[in-house]
PDB file of all heavy atoms in Angstrom:
ATOM      1  N   ARG A   1      11.931  12.323  11.510  1.00  0.00           N
ATOM      2  CA  ARG A   1      11.913  12.417  10.042  1.00  0.00           C
ATOM      3  C   ARG A   1      11.797  11.036   9.398  1.00  0.00           C
ATOM      4  O   ARG A   1      11.079  10.863   8.417  1.00  0.00           O
ATOM      5  CB  ARG A   1      13.159  13.130   9.526  1.00  0.00           C
ATOM      6  CG  ARG A   1      13.252  14.584   9.935  1.00  0.00           C
ATOM      7  CD  ARG A   1      12.079  15.386   9.364  1.00  0.00           C
ATOM      8  NE  ARG A   1      12.137  16.761   9.774  1.00  0.00           N
ATOM      9  CZ  ARG A   1      12.263  17.778   8.940  1.00  0.00           C
ATOM     10  NH1 ARG A   1      12.334  17.581   7.639  1.00  0.00           N
ATOM     11  NH2 ARG A   1      12.300  19.008   9.408  1.00  0.00           N
ATOM     12  N   ARG A   2      12.505  10.047   9.944  1.00  0.00           N
ATOM     13  CA  ARG A   2      12.396   8.682   9.400  1.00  0.00           C
ATOM     14  C   ARG A   2      10.977   8.135   9.554  1.00  0.00           C
ATOM     15  O   ARG A   2      10.457   7.493   8.645  1.00  0.00           O
ATOM     16  CB  ARG A   2      13.372   7.748  10.085  1.00  0.00           C
ATOM     17  CG  ARG A   2      14.761   7.902   9.598  1.00  0.00           C
ATOM     18  CD  ARG A   2      15.647   6.876  10.255  1.00  0.00           C
ATOM     19  NE  ARG A   2      16.999   7.258   9.969  1.00  0.00           N
ATOM     20  CZ  ARG A   2      17.798   6.570   9.189  1.00  0.00           C
ATOM     21  NH1 ARG A   2      17.392   5.469   8.654  1.00  0.00           N
ATOM     22  NH2 ARG A   2      19.016   6.993   8.951  1.00  0.00           N
ATOM     23  N   GLU A   3      10.387   8.393  10.705  1.00  0.00           N
ATOM     24  CA  GLU A   3       9.034   7.911  10.954  1.00  0.00           C
ATOM     25  C   GLU A   3       8.040   8.570  10.004  1.00  0.00           C
ATOM     26  O   GLU A   3       7.159   7.903   9.462  1.00  0.00           O
ATOM     27  CB  GLU A   3       8.651   8.175  12.411  1.00  0.00           C
ATOM     28  CG  GLU A   3       7.333   7.567  12.810  1.00  0.00           C
ATOM     29  CD  GLU A   3       7.306   6.051  12.739  1.00  0.00           C
ATOM     30  OE1 GLU A   3       8.369   5.413  12.788  1.00  0.00           O
ATOM     31  OE2 GLU A   3       6.197   5.501  12.606  1.00  0.00           O
ATOM     32  N   ARG A   4       8.186   9.854   9.786  1.00  0.00           N
ATOM     33  CA  ARG A   4       7.299  10.543   8.833  1.00  0.00           C
ATOM     34  C   ARG A   4       7.421   9.954   7.434  1.00  0.00           C
ATOM     35  O   ARG A   4       6.420   9.762   6.746  1.00  0.00           O
ATOM     36  CB  ARG A   4       7.629  12.027   8.776  1.00  0.00           C
ATOM     37  CG  ARG A   4       7.170  12.800   9.968  1.00  0.00           C
ATOM     38  CD  ARG A   4       7.408  14.263   9.722  1.00  0.00           C
ATOM     39  NE  ARG A   4       7.462  15.017  10.951  1.00  0.00           N
ATOM     40  CZ  ARG A   4       7.645  16.316  10.983  1.00  0.00           C
ATOM     41  NH1 ARG A   4       7.798  16.999   9.869  1.00  0.00           N
ATOM     42  NH2 ARG A   4       7.671  16.944  12.133  1.00  0.00           N
ATOM     43  N   LEU A   5       8.647   9.678   7.019  1.00  0.00           N
ATOM     44  CA  LEU A   5       8.838   9.080   5.693  1.00  0.00           C
ATOM     45  C   LEU A   5       8.235   7.683   5.630  1.00  0.00           C
ATOM     46  O   LEU A   5       7.611   7.307   4.638  1.00  0.00           O
ATOM     47  CB  LEU A   5      10.325   9.000   5.341  1.00  0.00           C
ATOM     48  CG  LEU A   5      10.969  10.271   4.832  1.00  0.00           C
ATOM     49  CD1 LEU A   5      12.458  10.051   4.614  1.00  0.00           C
ATOM     50  CD2 LEU A   5      10.318  10.747   3.546  1.00  0.00           C
ATOM     51  N   ARG A   6       8.443   6.923   6.681  1.00  0.00           N
ATOM     52  CA  ARG A   6       7.936   5.550   6.716  1.00  0.00           C
ATOM     53  C   ARG A   6       6.412   5.519   6.625  1.00  0.00           C
ATOM     54  O   ARG A   6       5.831   4.665   5.948  1.00  0.00           O
ATOM     55  CB  ARG A   6       8.397   4.845   7.997  1.00  0.00           C
ATOM     56  CG  ARG A   6       8.130   3.354   8.012  1.00  0.00           C
ATOM     57  CD  ARG A   6       8.526   2.722   9.326  1.00  0.00           C
ATOM     58  NE  ARG A   6       7.694   3.131  10.444  1.00  0.00           N
ATOM     59  CZ  ARG A   6       6.440   2.737  10.651  1.00  0.00           C
ATOM     60  NH1 ARG A   6       5.843   1.943   9.797  1.00  0.00           N
ATOM     61  NH2 ARG A   6       5.775   3.140  11.709  1.00  0.00           N
ATOM     62  N   GLN A   7       5.767   6.458   7.280  1.00  0.00           N
ATOM     63  CA  GLN A   7       4.310   6.483   7.316  1.00  0.00           C
ATOM     64  C   GLN A   7       3.682   7.187   6.114  1.00  0.00           C
ATOM     65  O   GLN A   7       2.493   7.047   5.874  1.00  0.00           O
ATOM     66  CB  GLN A   7       3.828   7.161   8.594  1.00  0.00           C
ATOM     67  CG  GLN A   7       4.128   6.380   9.831  1.00  0.00           C
ATOM     68  CD  GLN A   7       3.659   7.091  11.087  1.00  0.00           C
ATOM     69  OE1 GLN A   7       3.212   8.223  11.054  1.00  0.00           O
ATOM     70  NE2 GLN A   7       3.779   6.412  12.213  1.00  0.00           N
ATOM     71  N   SER A   8       4.473   7.913   5.362  1.00  0.00           N
ATOM     72  CA  SER A   8       3.931   8.713   4.270  1.00  0.00           C
ATOM     73  C   SER A   8       3.668   7.881   3.020  1.00  0.00           C
ATOM     74  O   SER A   8       4.476   7.053   2.629  1.00  0.00           O
ATOM     75  CB  SER A   8       4.897   9.839   3.909  1.00  0.00           C
ATOM     76  OG  SER A   8       4.379  10.590   2.837  1.00  0.00           O
ATOM     77  N   SER A   9       2.534   8.139   2.434  1.00  0.00           N
ATOM     78  CA  SER A   9       2.235   7.527   1.134  1.00  0.00           C
ATOM     79  C   SER A   9       2.171   8.607   0.050  1.00  0.00           C
ATOM     80  O   SER A   9       1.764   8.332  -1.073  1.00  0.00           O
ATOM     81  CB  SER A   9       0.905   6.771   1.206  1.00  0.00           C
ATOM     82  OG  SER A   9      -0.139   7.660   1.545  1.00  0.00           O
ATOM     83  N   ARG A  10       2.580   9.808   0.408  1.00  0.00           N
ATOM     84  CA  ARG A  10       2.550  10.925  -0.535  1.00  0.00           C
ATOM     85  C   ARG A  10       3.547  10.680  -1.666  1.00  0.00           C
ATOM     86  O   ARG A  10       4.663  10.221  -1.432  1.00  0.00           O
ATOM     87  CB  ARG A  10       2.860  12.223   0.192  1.00  0.00           C
ATOM     88  CG  ARG A  10       1.791  12.574   1.223  1.00  0.00           C
ATOM     89  CD  ARG A  10       2.158  13.699   2.132  1.00  0.00           C
ATOM     90  NE  ARG A  10       2.609  14.869   1.399  1.00  0.00           N
ATOM     91  CZ  ARG A  10       3.042  15.958   1.995  1.00  0.00           C
ATOM     92  NH1 ARG A  10       3.073  16.043   3.307  1.00  0.00           N
ATOM     93  NH2 ARG A  10       3.443  16.994   1.284  1.00  0.00           N
ATOM     94  N   PRO A  11       3.166  10.982  -2.903  1.00  0.00           N
ATOM     95  CA  PRO A  11       4.053  10.751  -4.051  1.00  0.00           C
ATOM     96  C   PRO A  11       5.403  11.453  -3.924  1.00  0.00           C
ATOM     97  O   PRO A  11       6.420  10.916  -4.345  1.00  0.00           O
ATOM     98  CB  PRO A  11       3.270  11.299  -5.239  1.00  0.00           C
ATOM     99  CG  PRO A  11       1.860  11.398  -4.803  1.00  0.00           C
ATOM    100  CD  PRO A  11       1.876  11.527  -3.304  1.00  0.00           C
ATOM    101  N   GLU A  12       5.414  12.637  -3.318  1.00  0.00           N
ATOM    102  CA  GLU A  12       6.680  13.363  -3.216  1.00  0.00           C
ATOM    103  C   GLU A  12       7.640  12.730  -2.209  1.00  0.00           C
ATOM    104  O   GLU A  12       8.796  13.107  -2.135  1.00  0.00           O
ATOM    105  CB  GLU A  12       6.450  14.842  -2.880  1.00  0.00           C
ATOM    106  CG  GLU A  12       5.772  15.090  -1.569  1.00  0.00           C
ATOM    107  CD  GLU A  12       4.256  15.220  -1.667  1.00  0.00           C
ATOM    108  OE1 GLU A  12       3.652  14.758  -2.644  1.00  0.00           O
ATOM    109  OE2 GLU A  12       3.687  15.812  -0.749  1.00  0.00           O
ATOM    110  N   HIS A  13       7.163  11.761  -1.437  1.00  0.00           N
ATOM    111  CA  HIS A  13       8.039  11.070  -0.498  1.00  0.00           C
ATOM    112  C   HIS A  13       8.519   9.718  -1.032  1.00  0.00           C
ATOM    113  O   HIS A  13       9.160   8.959  -0.314  1.00  0.00           O
ATOM    114  CB  HIS A  13       7.347  10.889   0.850  1.00  0.00           C
ATOM    115  CG  HIS A  13       7.225  12.186   1.588  1.00  0.00           C
ATOM    116  ND1 HIS A  13       6.352  12.364   2.621  1.00  0.00           N
ATOM    117  CD2 HIS A  13       7.861  13.380   1.442  1.00  0.00           C
ATOM    118  CE1 HIS A  13       6.448  13.595   3.081  1.00  0.00           C
ATOM    119  NE2 HIS A  13       7.355  14.232   2.375  1.00  0.00           N
ATOM    120  N   GLN A  14       8.237   9.447  -2.284  1.00  0.00           N
ATOM    121  CA  GLN A  14       8.720   8.220  -2.898  1.00  0.00           C
ATOM    122  C   GLN A  14      10.170   8.408  -3.319  1.00  0.00           C
ATOM    123  O   GLN A  14      10.586   9.512  -3.685  1.00  0.00           O
ATOM    124  CB  GLN A  14       7.845   7.851  -4.105  1.00  0.00           C
ATOM    125  CG  GLN A  14       6.389   7.603  -3.736  1.00  0.00           C
ATOM    126  CD  GLN A  14       6.221   6.597  -2.619  1.00  0.00           C
ATOM    127  OE1 GLN A  14       6.762   5.502  -2.669  1.00  0.00           O
ATOM    128  NE2 GLN A  14       5.482   6.975  -1.592  1.00  0.00           N
ATOM    129  N   PRO A  15      10.974   7.341  -3.267  1.00  0.00           N
ATOM    130  CA  PRO A  15      12.387   7.462  -3.666  1.00  0.00           C
ATOM    131  C   PRO A  15      12.539   8.092  -5.049  1.00  0.00           C
ATOM    132  O   PRO A  15      11.793   7.777  -5.980  1.00  0.00           O
ATOM    133  CB  PRO A  15      12.869   6.017  -3.663  1.00  0.00           C
ATOM    134  CG  PRO A  15      11.997   5.338  -2.651  1.00  0.00           C
ATOM    135  CD  PRO A  15      10.644   5.997  -2.822  1.00  0.00           C
ATOM    136  N   GLY A  16      13.487   9.023  -5.142  1.00  0.00           N
ATOM    137  CA  GLY A  16      13.763   9.695  -6.402  1.00  0.00           C
ATOM    138  C   GLY A  16      13.085  11.040  -6.557  1.00  0.00           C
ATOM    139  O   GLY A  16      13.507  11.863  -7.368  1.00  0.00           O
ATOM    140  N   ALA A  17      12.034  11.281  -5.795  1.00  0.00           N
ATOM    141  CA  ALA A  17      11.343  12.569  -5.853  1.00  0.00           C
ATOM    142  C   ALA A  17      12.185  13.610  -5.113  1.00  0.00           C
ATOM    143  O   ALA A  17      12.868  13.298  -4.143  1.00  0.00           O
ATOM    144  CB  ALA A  17       9.954  12.470  -5.227  1.00  0.00           C
ATOM    145  N   SER A  18      12.142  14.840  -5.562  1.00  0.00           N
ATOM    146  CA  SER A  18      12.972  15.900  -4.972  1.00  0.00           C
ATOM    147  C   SER A  18      12.815  16.044  -3.455  1.00  0.00           C
ATOM    148  O   SER A  18      13.820  16.124  -2.748  1.00  0.00           O
ATOM    149  CB  SER A  18      12.703  17.236  -5.650  1.00  0.00           C
ATOM    150  OG  SER A  18      13.105  17.178  -6.989  1.00  0.00           O
ATOM    151  N   PRO A  19      11.574  16.065  -2.930  1.00  0.00           N
ATOM    152  CA  PRO A  19      11.464  16.162  -1.472  1.00  0.00           C
ATOM    153  C   PRO A  19      12.095  14.962  -0.757  1.00  0.00           C
ATOM    154  O   PRO A  19      12.664  15.101   0.320  1.00  0.00           O
ATOM    155  CB  PRO A  19       9.961  16.224  -1.218  1.00  0.00           C
ATOM    156  CG  PRO A  19       9.403  16.789  -2.481  1.00  0.00           C
ATOM    157  CD  PRO A  19      10.267  16.194  -3.564  1.00  0.00           C
ATOM    158  N   ARG A  20      12.008  13.797  -1.370  1.00  0.00           N
ATOM    159  CA  ARG A  20      12.610  12.606  -0.764  1.00  0.00           C
ATOM    160  C   ARG A  20      14.136  12.697  -0.810  1.00  0.00           C
ATOM    161  O   ARG A  20      14.820  12.334   0.152  1.00  0.00           O
ATOM    162  CB  ARG A  20      12.118  11.344  -1.479  1.00  0.00           C
ATOM    163  CG  ARG A  20      12.709  10.058  -0.965  1.00  0.00           C
ATOM    164  CD  ARG A  20      12.316   9.825   0.517  1.00  0.00           C
ATOM    165  NE  ARG A  20      12.941   8.634   1.036  1.00  0.00           N
ATOM    166  CZ  ARG A  20      12.317   7.471   1.180  1.00  0.00           C
ATOM    167  NH1 ARG A  20      11.042   7.341   0.830  1.00  0.00           N
ATOM    168  NH2 ARG A  20      12.943   6.437   1.663  1.00  0.00           N
ATOM    169  N   ILE A  21      14.673  13.187  -1.907  1.00  0.00           N
ATOM    170  CA  ILE A  21      16.125  13.383  -2.009  1.00  0.00           C
ATOM    171  C   ILE A  21      16.576  14.324  -0.902  1.00  0.00           C
ATOM    172  O   ILE A  21      17.567  14.071  -0.216  1.00  0.00           O
ATOM    173  CB  ILE A  21      16.514  13.929  -3.396  1.00  0.00           C
ATOM    174  CG1 ILE A  21      16.303  12.854  -4.460  1.00  0.00           C
ATOM    175  CG2 ILE A  21      17.966  14.424  -3.406  1.00  0.00           C
ATOM    176  CD1 ILE A  21      16.399  13.360  -5.887  1.00  0.00           C
ATOM    177  N   TYR A  22      15.833  15.402  -0.710  1.00  0.00           N
ATOM    178  CA  TYR A  22      16.154  16.364   0.351  1.00  0.00           C
ATOM    179  C   TYR A  22      16.128  15.675   1.716  1.00  0.00           C
ATOM    180  O   TYR A  22      17.077  15.787   2.500  1.00  0.00           O
ATOM    181  CB  TYR A  22      15.163  17.535   0.328  1.00  0.00           C
ATOM    182  CG  TYR A  22      15.333  18.453   1.512  1.00  0.00           C
ATOM    183  CD1 TYR A  22      16.214  19.520   1.459  1.00  0.00           C
ATOM    184  CD2 TYR A  22      14.636  18.224   2.699  1.00  0.00           C
ATOM    185  CE1 TYR A  22      16.397  20.350   2.556  1.00  0.00           C
ATOM    186  CE2 TYR A  22      14.819  19.045   3.801  1.00  0.00           C
ATOM    187  CZ  TYR A  22      15.700  20.098   3.722  1.00  0.00           C
ATOM    188  OH  TYR A  22      15.890  20.911   4.811  1.00  0.00           O
ATOM    189  N   LEU A  23      15.035  14.984   2.024  1.00  0.00           N
ATOM    190  CA  LEU A  23      14.895  14.370   3.345  1.00  0.00           C
ATOM    191  C   LEU A  23      15.939  13.283   3.588  1.00  0.00           C
ATOM    192  O   LEU A  23      16.494  13.190   4.688  1.00  0.00           O
ATOM    193  CB  LEU A  23      13.489  13.808   3.517  1.00  0.00           C
ATOM    194  CG  LEU A  23      12.406  14.862   3.695  1.00  0.00           C
ATOM    195  CD1 LEU A  23      11.020  14.240   3.606  1.00  0.00           C
ATOM    196  CD2 LEU A  23      12.579  15.594   5.006  1.00  0.00           C
ATOM    197  N   ASP A  24      16.215  12.459   2.585  1.00  0.00           N
ATOM    198  CA  ASP A  24      17.244  11.423   2.739  1.00  0.00           C
ATOM    199  C   ASP A  24      18.606  12.051   3.019  1.00  0.00           C
ATOM    200  O   ASP A  24      19.344  11.591   3.894  1.00  0.00           O
ATOM    201  CB  ASP A  24      17.323  10.542   1.493  1.00  0.00           C
ATOM    202  CG  ASP A  24      16.166   9.572   1.370  1.00  0.00           C
ATOM    203  OD1 ASP A  24      15.468   9.311   2.375  1.00  0.00           O
ATOM    204  OD2 ASP A  24      15.960   9.063   0.253  1.00  0.00           O
ATOM    205  N   THR A  25      18.925  13.113   2.305  1.00  0.00           N
ATOM    206  CA  THR A  25      20.210  13.786   2.506  1.00  0.00           C
ATOM    207  C   THR A  25      20.250  14.466   3.861  1.00  0.00           C
ATOM    208  O   THR A  25      21.266  14.402   4.564  1.00  0.00           O
ATOM    209  CB  THR A  25      20.465  14.810   1.380  1.00  0.00           C
ATOM    210  OG1 THR A  25      20.399  14.141   0.122  1.00  0.00           O
ATOM    211  CG2 THR A  25      21.828  15.473   1.530  1.00  0.00           C
ATOM    212  N   TYR A  26      19.158  15.094   4.261  1.00  0.00           N
ATOM    213  CA  TYR A  26      19.069  15.756   5.558  1.00  0.00           C
ATOM    214  C   TYR A  26      19.313  14.748   6.689  1.00  0.00           C
ATOM    215  O   TYR A  26      20.119  14.988   7.591  1.00  0.00           O
ATOM    216  CB  TYR A  26      17.688  16.404   5.680  1.00  0.00           C
ATOM    217  CG  TYR A  26      17.409  17.111   6.980  1.00  0.00           C
ATOM    218  CD1 TYR A  26      17.961  18.352   7.259  1.00  0.00           C
ATOM    219  CD2 TYR A  26      16.551  16.548   7.926  1.00  0.00           C
ATOM    220  CE1 TYR A  26      17.676  19.024   8.452  1.00  0.00           C
ATOM    221  CE2 TYR A  26      16.264  17.207   9.108  1.00  0.00           C
ATOM    222  CZ  TYR A  26      16.838  18.437   9.361  1.00  0.00           C
ATOM    223  OH  TYR A  26      16.550  19.088  10.542  1.00  0.00           O
ATOM    224  N   ILE A  27      18.635  13.621   6.622  1.00  0.00           N
ATOM    225  CA  ILE A  27      18.789  12.578   7.637  1.00  0.00           C
ATOM    226  C   ILE A  27      20.219  12.036   7.629  1.00  0.00           C
ATOM    227  O   ILE A  27      20.834  11.875   8.688  1.00  0.00           O
ATOM    228  CB  ILE A  27      17.761  11.449   7.416  1.00  0.00           C
ATOM    229  CG1 ILE A  27      16.352  11.954   7.711  1.00  0.00           C
ATOM    230  CG2 ILE A  27      18.097  10.230   8.275  1.00  0.00           C
ATOM    231  CD1 ILE A  27      15.242  11.042   7.213  1.00  0.00           C
ATOM    232  N   ASP A  28      20.746  11.751   6.455  1.00  0.00           N
ATOM    233  CA  ASP A  28      22.120  11.244   6.347  1.00  0.00           C
ATOM    234  C   ASP A  28      23.121  12.218   6.952  1.00  0.00           C
ATOM    235  O   ASP A  28      24.057  11.815   7.652  1.00  0.00           O
ATOM    236  CB  ASP A  28      22.498  10.965   4.888  1.00  0.00           C
ATOM    237  CG  ASP A  28      21.795   9.759   4.304  1.00  0.00           C
ATOM    238  OD1 ASP A  28      21.202   8.964   5.066  1.00  0.00           O
ATOM    239  OD2 ASP A  28      21.827   9.628   3.061  1.00  0.00           O
ATOM    240  N   GLU A  29      22.935  13.494   6.691  1.00  0.00           N
ATOM    241  CA  GLU A  29      23.864  14.489   7.221  1.00  0.00           C
ATOM    242  C   GLU A  29      23.737  14.610   8.735  1.00  0.00           C
ATOM    243  O   GLU A  29      24.746  14.747   9.433  1.00  0.00           O
ATOM    244  CB  GLU A  29      23.647  15.844   6.555  1.00  0.00           C
ATOM    245  CG  GLU A  29      24.691  16.865   6.921  1.00  0.00           C
ATOM    246  CD  GLU A  29      26.112  16.489   6.533  1.00  0.00           C
ATOM    247  OE1 GLU A  29      26.312  15.693   5.598  1.00  0.00           O
ATOM    248  OE2 GLU A  29      27.046  17.008   7.182  1.00  0.00           O
ATOM    249  N   LEU A  30      22.515  14.542   9.247  1.00  0.00           N
ATOM    250  CA  LEU A  30      22.356  14.562  10.703  1.00  0.00           C
ATOM    251  C   LEU A  30      23.050  13.354  11.338  1.00  0.00           C
ATOM    252  O   LEU A  30      23.687  13.479  12.385  1.00  0.00           O
ATOM    253  CB  LEU A  30      20.879  14.586  11.097  1.00  0.00           C
ATOM    254  CG  LEU A  30      20.137  15.898  10.882  1.00  0.00           C
ATOM    255  CD1 LEU A  30      18.655  15.731  11.225  1.00  0.00           C
ATOM    256  CD2 LEU A  30      20.742  17.025  11.697  1.00  0.00           C
ATOM    257  N   GLU A  31      22.948  12.196  10.696  1.00  0.00           N
ATOM    258  CA  GLU A  31      23.637  11.008  11.209  1.00  0.00           C
ATOM    259  C   GLU A  31      25.154  11.207  11.184  1.00  0.00           C
ATOM    260  O   GLU A  31      25.853  10.790  12.111  1.00  0.00           O
ATOM    261  CB  GLU A  31      23.245   9.771  10.410  1.00  0.00           C
ATOM    262  CG  GLU A  31      21.823   9.337  10.690  1.00  0.00           C
ATOM    263  CD  GLU A  31      21.368   8.194   9.821  1.00  0.00           C
ATOM    264  OE1 GLU A  31      21.912   7.998   8.716  1.00  0.00           O
ATOM    265  OE2 GLU A  31      20.446   7.474  10.254  1.00  0.00           O
ATOM    266  N   HIS A  32      25.641  11.833  10.143  1.00  0.00           N
ATOM    267  CA  HIS A  32      27.069  12.130  10.050  1.00  0.00           C
ATOM    268  C   HIS A  32      27.493  13.079  11.176  1.00  0.00           C
ATOM    269  O   HIS A  32      28.540  12.891  11.804  1.00  0.00           O
ATOM    270  CB  HIS A  32      27.393  12.730   8.679  1.00  0.00           C
ATOM    271  CG  HIS A  32      28.816  13.113   8.506  1.00  0.00           C
ATOM    272  ND1 HIS A  32      29.828  12.193   8.333  1.00  0.00           N
ATOM    273  CD2 HIS A  32      29.421  14.319   8.521  1.00  0.00           C
ATOM    274  CE1 HIS A  32      30.979  12.824   8.234  1.00  0.00           C
ATOM    275  NE2 HIS A  32      30.757  14.116   8.345  1.00  0.00           N
ATOM    276  N   ILE A  33      26.683  14.070  11.441  1.00  0.00           N
ATOM    277  CA  ILE A  33      26.971  15.024  12.513  1.00  0.00           C
ATOM    278  C   ILE A  33      26.994  14.305  13.859  1.00  0.00           C
ATOM    279  O   ILE A  33      27.887  14.545  14.686  1.00  0.00           O
ATOM    280  CB  ILE A  33      25.960  16.186  12.493  1.00  0.00           C
ATOM    281  CG1 ILE A  33      26.200  17.062  11.251  1.00  0.00           C
ATOM    282  CG2 ILE A  33      26.029  17.004  13.779  1.00  0.00           C
ATOM    283  CD1 ILE A  33      25.090  18.056  10.961  1.00  0.00           C
TER     284      ILE A  33
END
């Protein structure tokens, strides 16, 4: 997931966009787990 975000230039993957908020939270929670 981190690699996909790093490589993505899609607007919805920019910080603050809803899909980015989802992915950042998803990754953070997996790290917590």
